[in-house]
Amino acid sequence: MILPRKKHRNLAQGVIELINADIQSGALKPGDKLPTESAIMERHGVSRTVVREAISHLQASGQVETRHGIGTFVLEAAPPNVSLLTETIVTLRDVLAILELRICLETEAASLAAMRRTDAQAAQLGALLELMRRGAEEGGGAVADDVQFHLLIAQSTGNKYFVEILTQLGSAIIPRARVNAAQLGNAEPGLYLERVHREHEDIWRAIARQDAEGARAAMRTHLSNSRERLRQAQEALSSPH
């Protein structure tokens, strides 16, 4: 089935829906390996970038996991007892409240990740950070990659509950999923994405050198800055023009 030529995000969403359909129908079962990127590209008539964005979304929602050097596999469906419902996160005030929760949660997750991460996890974080840097330079800055960065840190703690909470929240953890980068960056989206990248890089460097206190501080700085950027965007949007 060839997907219609729509906007990039719609193409990725189309691939997600088709893979989900295969999972729901049983064509792809828990433990099954997804087709290769090339096979998905050929089947659906999309680019490699679109396929990778779709896979990132599926990873962020806990439907698949990628095993380095092996492939991407379907996971068991999560139990339905979800306590954090993303459909209730509808206003900027809600996203600000989620950022407060994340400051409490993810600062400790970063610290634990620095102490417990494997070399492979540190390398995976570094590779994803480089992918995000290139995306920002090209004017992209995919929300899915940002979600995956924070999920990888949660996974590096070795504590599944950090992963479960962030997975439930999905893209709601990323402010620019609700407000565009121009609004968050005070009409300078490129500068905003550059700042976010530097903050992510500080977190990764601390985790890579196994500096627990440094990772905690870097994550707190990043999330506090995110909260302040969002607060300023909220004020700008609510002020009369």
Protein backbone atom coordinates (compact mmCIF):
# COMPACT_ATOMS: atom_id res chain seq x y z
CA MET A 1 0.00 0.00 0.00
CA ILE A 2 1.45 3.36 -1.04
CA LEU A 3 0.72 6.26 1.27
CA PRO A 4 -0.50 9.57 -0.24
CA ARG A 5 2.01 12.41 -0.38
CA LYS A 6 1.09 14.47 2.67
CA LYS A 7 3.11 16.46 5.12
CA HIS A 8 6.09 14.66 6.67
CA ARG A 9 4.38 14.14 10.03
CA ASN A 10 1.25 12.73 8.37
CA LEU A 11 3.40 10.26 6.43
CA ALA A 12 5.01 9.05 9.66
CA GLN A 13 1.58 8.79 11.28
CA GLY A 14 0.39 6.75 8.32
CA VAL A 15 3.24 4.27 8.77
CA ILE A 16 2.48 4.06 12.51
CA GLU A 17 -1.18 3.28 11.79
CA LEU A 18 -0.30 0.57 9.27
CA ILE A 19 2.19 -1.11 11.61
CA ASN A 20 -0.39 -0.87 14.40
CA ALA A 21 -2.91 -2.53 12.10
CA ASP A 22 -0.47 -5.42 11.56
CA ILE A 23 -0.04 -5.74 15.33
CA GLN A 24 -3.80 -5.62 15.99
CA SER A 25 -4.54 -8.20 13.29
CA GLY A 26 -1.89 -10.56 14.61
CA ALA A 27 0.23 -10.31 11.48
CA LEU A 28 2.91 -9.00 13.86
CA LYS A 29 2.92 -10.71 17.24
CA PRO A 30 4.83 -9.89 20.46
CA GLY A 31 8.43 -10.94 19.92
CA ASP A 32 8.22 -10.64 16.13
CA LYS A 33 10.88 -8.60 14.38
CA LEU A 34 9.67 -5.66 12.29
CA PRO A 35 10.66 -5.59 8.62
CA THR A 36 13.85 -3.69 7.85
CA GLU A 37 13.76 0.05 7.24
CA SER A 38 14.32 -0.60 3.53
CA ALA A 39 11.41 -3.04 3.40
CA ILE A 40 9.08 -0.58 5.15
CA MET A 41 10.22 2.20 2.80
CA GLU A 42 9.49 0.06 -0.24
CA ARG A 43 6.15 -1.23 1.04
CA HIS A 44 4.75 2.18 1.99
CA GLY A 45 6.58 4.43 -0.47
CA VAL A 46 8.18 6.70 2.12
CA SER A 47 11.67 7.94 2.97
CA ARG A 48 14.03 6.49 5.56
CA THR A 49 13.53 9.60 7.72
CA VAL A 50 9.77 8.99 7.80
CA VAL A 51 10.30 5.34 8.76
CA ARG A 52 12.68 6.28 11.58
CA GLU A 53 10.26 8.86 12.94
CA ALA A 54 7.46 6.28 12.90
CA ILE A 55 9.64 3.74 14.72
CA SER A 56 10.61 6.39 17.31
CA HIS A 57 6.93 7.04 18.01
CA LEU A 58 6.27 3.31 18.41
CA GLN A 59 9.25 3.05 20.79
CA ALA A 60 8.02 6.04 22.79
CA SER A 61 4.58 4.46 23.17
CA GLY A 62 6.11 1.18 24.37
CA GLN A 63 4.90 -0.88 21.41
CA VAL A 64 8.31 -1.85 20.05
CA GLU A 65 11.92 -1.90 21.21
CA THR A 66 15.09 -1.64 19.16
CA ARG A 67 17.95 -3.96 20.05
CA HIS A 68 21.25 -2.52 18.89
CA GLY A 69 22.63 -4.42 15.92
CA ILE A 70 19.72 -6.87 15.84
CA GLY A 71 16.51 -5.09 14.89
CA THR A 72 13.21 -3.75 16.19
CA PHE A 73 10.77 -6.11 17.91
CA VAL A 74 7.10 -5.97 18.90
CA LEU A 75 6.50 -5.81 22.66
CA GLU A 76 3.69 -7.30 24.72
CA ALA A 77 0.74 -4.93 25.00
CA ALA A 78 0.88 -2.82 28.16
CA PRO A 79 -1.79 -3.58 30.78
CA PRO A 80 -4.79 -1.22 30.58
CA ASN A 81 -4.40 0.21 34.09
CA VAL A 82 -2.96 3.53 32.89
CA SER A 83 -3.19 6.19 35.57
CA LEU A 84 -1.73 9.13 33.62
CA LEU A 85 -4.06 9.89 30.71
CA THR A 86 -2.48 12.09 28.05
CA GLU A 87 -5.90 13.23 26.79
CA THR A 88 -6.25 15.17 30.06
CA ILE A 89 -3.14 17.22 29.22
CA VAL A 90 -4.84 19.81 27.05
CA THR A 91 -3.68 23.28 28.13
CA LEU A 92 -0.32 25.00 28.55
CA ARG A 93 -1.05 25.06 32.28
CA ASP A 94 -1.31 21.25 32.15
CA VAL A 95 2.04 20.99 30.36
CA LEU A 96 3.62 23.29 32.96
CA ALA A 97 2.28 20.99 35.67
CA ILE A 98 3.76 17.98 33.86
CA LEU A 99 7.12 19.78 33.75
CA GLU A 100 6.98 20.16 37.54
CA LEU A 101 6.39 16.41 37.82
CA ARG A 102 9.26 15.74 35.41
CA ILE A 103 11.68 17.91 37.42
CA CYS A 104 11.01 15.70 40.46
CA LEU A 105 11.16 12.47 38.47
CA GLU A 106 13.79 12.92 35.78
CA THR A 107 16.48 14.65 37.83
CA GLU A 108 16.77 11.46 39.90
CA ALA A 109 16.44 9.31 36.78
CA ALA A 110 19.43 11.11 35.24
CA SER A 111 21.45 10.57 38.41
CA LEU A 112 20.62 6.85 38.49
CA ALA A 113 21.32 6.54 34.76
CA ALA A 114 24.80 7.98 35.29
CA MET A 115 25.49 5.36 37.95
CA ARG A 116 23.91 2.37 36.19
CA ARG A 117 24.11 2.93 32.44
CA THR A 118 25.95 0.43 30.27
CA ASP A 119 28.52 1.43 27.67
CA ALA A 120 26.01 0.47 24.97
CA GLN A 121 23.36 2.75 26.48
CA ALA A 122 25.81 5.66 26.69
CA ALA A 123 26.72 5.11 23.04
CA GLN A 124 23.05 4.92 22.05
CA LEU A 125 22.34 8.22 23.80
CA GLY A 126 25.29 9.83 22.02
CA ALA A 127 24.15 8.54 18.63
CA LEU A 128 20.63 9.83 19.18
CA LEU A 129 21.98 13.20 20.30
CA GLU A 130 23.95 13.46 17.04
CA LEU A 131 20.79 12.60 15.08
CA MET A 132 18.94 15.34 16.97
CA ARG A 133 21.75 17.83 16.28
CA ARG A 134 21.54 17.20 12.53
CA GLY A 135 17.77 17.51 12.66
CA ALA A 136 17.99 20.85 14.46
CA GLU A 137 20.51 22.16 11.90
CA GLU A 138 18.09 21.19 9.12
CA GLY A 139 15.26 23.02 10.88
CA GLY A 140 13.55 19.84 12.06
CA GLY A 141 13.99 18.95 15.68
CA ALA A 142 11.61 15.98 15.74
CA VAL A 143 9.56 15.63 18.90
CA ALA A 144 9.84 11.84 18.62
CA ASP A 145 13.64 11.96 18.92
CA ASP A 146 13.36 14.22 21.97
CA VAL A 147 10.93 11.77 23.60
CA GLN A 148 13.27 8.89 22.79
CA PHE A 149 16.24 10.70 24.37
CA HIS A 150 14.40 11.01 27.69
CA LEU A 151 13.10 7.44 27.45
CA LEU A 152 16.64 6.11 26.90
CA ILE A 153 17.75 7.89 30.06
CA ALA A 154 14.85 6.28 31.93
CA GLN A 155 15.80 2.88 30.53
CA SER A 156 19.39 3.41 31.63
CA THR A 157 18.25 3.59 35.27
CA GLY A 158 17.38 -0.11 35.16
CA ASN A 159 14.08 0.79 36.88
CA LYS A 160 11.09 -0.10 34.70
CA TYR A 161 8.76 2.31 36.51
CA PHE A 162 10.62 5.37 35.25
CA VAL A 163 10.11 4.00 31.74
CA GLU A 164 6.44 3.21 32.31
CA ILE A 165 5.59 6.70 33.54
CA LEU A 166 7.38 8.49 30.69
CA THR A 167 5.90 6.05 28.16
CA GLN A 168 2.40 6.79 29.42
CA LEU A 169 3.01 10.51 29.00
CA GLY A 170 4.47 10.08 25.50
CA SER A 171 4.99 13.28 23.50
CA ALA A 172 3.18 15.30 26.20
CA ILE A 173 6.55 15.52 27.98
CA ILE A 174 7.92 17.72 25.18
CA PRO A 175 6.65 21.34 25.33
CA ARG A 176 7.03 21.94 21.60
CA ALA A 177 4.56 19.11 20.96
CA ARG A 178 1.98 21.68 22.16
CA VAL A 179 3.67 25.00 21.33
CA ASN A 180 5.79 25.58 18.24
CA ALA A 181 9.51 26.28 18.46
CA ALA A 182 9.08 29.89 17.31
CA GLN A 183 6.83 30.64 20.28
CA LEU A 184 9.15 28.83 22.70
CA GLY A 185 12.22 30.48 21.21
CA ASN A 186 10.81 34.02 21.23
CA ALA A 187 10.41 33.95 17.41
CA GLU A 188 13.89 32.40 16.94
CA PRO A 189 13.24 28.65 16.52
CA GLY A 190 16.81 27.92 15.43
CA LEU A 191 18.23 29.52 18.57
CA TYR A 192 15.70 27.67 20.72
CA LEU A 193 16.64 24.29 19.23
CA GLU A 194 20.35 25.11 19.65
CA ARG A 195 19.82 25.85 23.35
CA VAL A 196 17.85 22.66 23.87
CA HIS A 197 20.59 20.68 22.13
CA ARG A 198 23.27 22.17 24.41
CA GLU A 199 21.18 21.25 27.45
CA HIS A 200 20.73 17.69 26.17
CA GLU A 201 24.46 17.48 25.47
CA ASP A 202 25.27 18.53 29.06
CA ILE A 203 23.01 15.75 30.35
CA TRP A 204 24.57 13.15 28.07
CA ARG A 205 28.15 14.15 28.90
CA ALA A 206 27.47 13.80 32.63
CA ILE A 207 25.84 10.39 32.13
CA ALA A 208 28.68 9.27 29.84
CA ARG A 209 31.32 10.13 32.47
CA GLN A 210 29.12 8.57 35.19
CA ASP A 211 28.83 11.85 37.08
CA ALA A 212 25.61 11.33 39.05
CA GLU A 213 25.50 14.81 40.60
CA GLY A 214 26.38 16.46 37.30
CA ALA A 215 23.64 14.53 35.49
CA ARG A 216 21.10 15.47 38.14
CA ALA A 217 22.06 19.16 37.90
CA ALA A 218 22.09 19.16 34.08
CA MET A 219 18.63 17.58 33.91
CA ARG A 220 17.26 20.03 36.49
CA THR A 221 18.68 22.95 34.49
CA HIS A 222 17.18 21.62 31.25
CA LEU A 223 13.70 21.04 32.67
CA SER A 224 13.70 24.30 34.64
CA ASN A 225 14.66 26.17 31.47
CA SER A 226 11.92 24.32 29.58
CA ARG A 227 9.41 25.38 32.20
CA GLU A 228 10.52 29.01 32.00
CA ARG A 229 10.42 29.02 28.18
CA LEU A 230 6.92 27.58 28.26
CA ARG A 231 5.79 30.06 30.92
CA GLN A 232 7.01 32.94 28.76
CA ALA A 233 5.27 31.47 25.71
CA GLN A 234 2.06 31.16 27.72
CA GLU A 235 2.28 34.82 28.75
CA ALA A 236 2.93 35.89 25.16
CA LEU A 237 -0.02 33.88 23.85
CA SER A 238 -2.40 35.19 26.50
CA SER A 239 -1.38 38.86 26.26
CA PRO A 240 -3.48 41.15 24.01
CA HIS A 241 -1.91 42.09 20.68
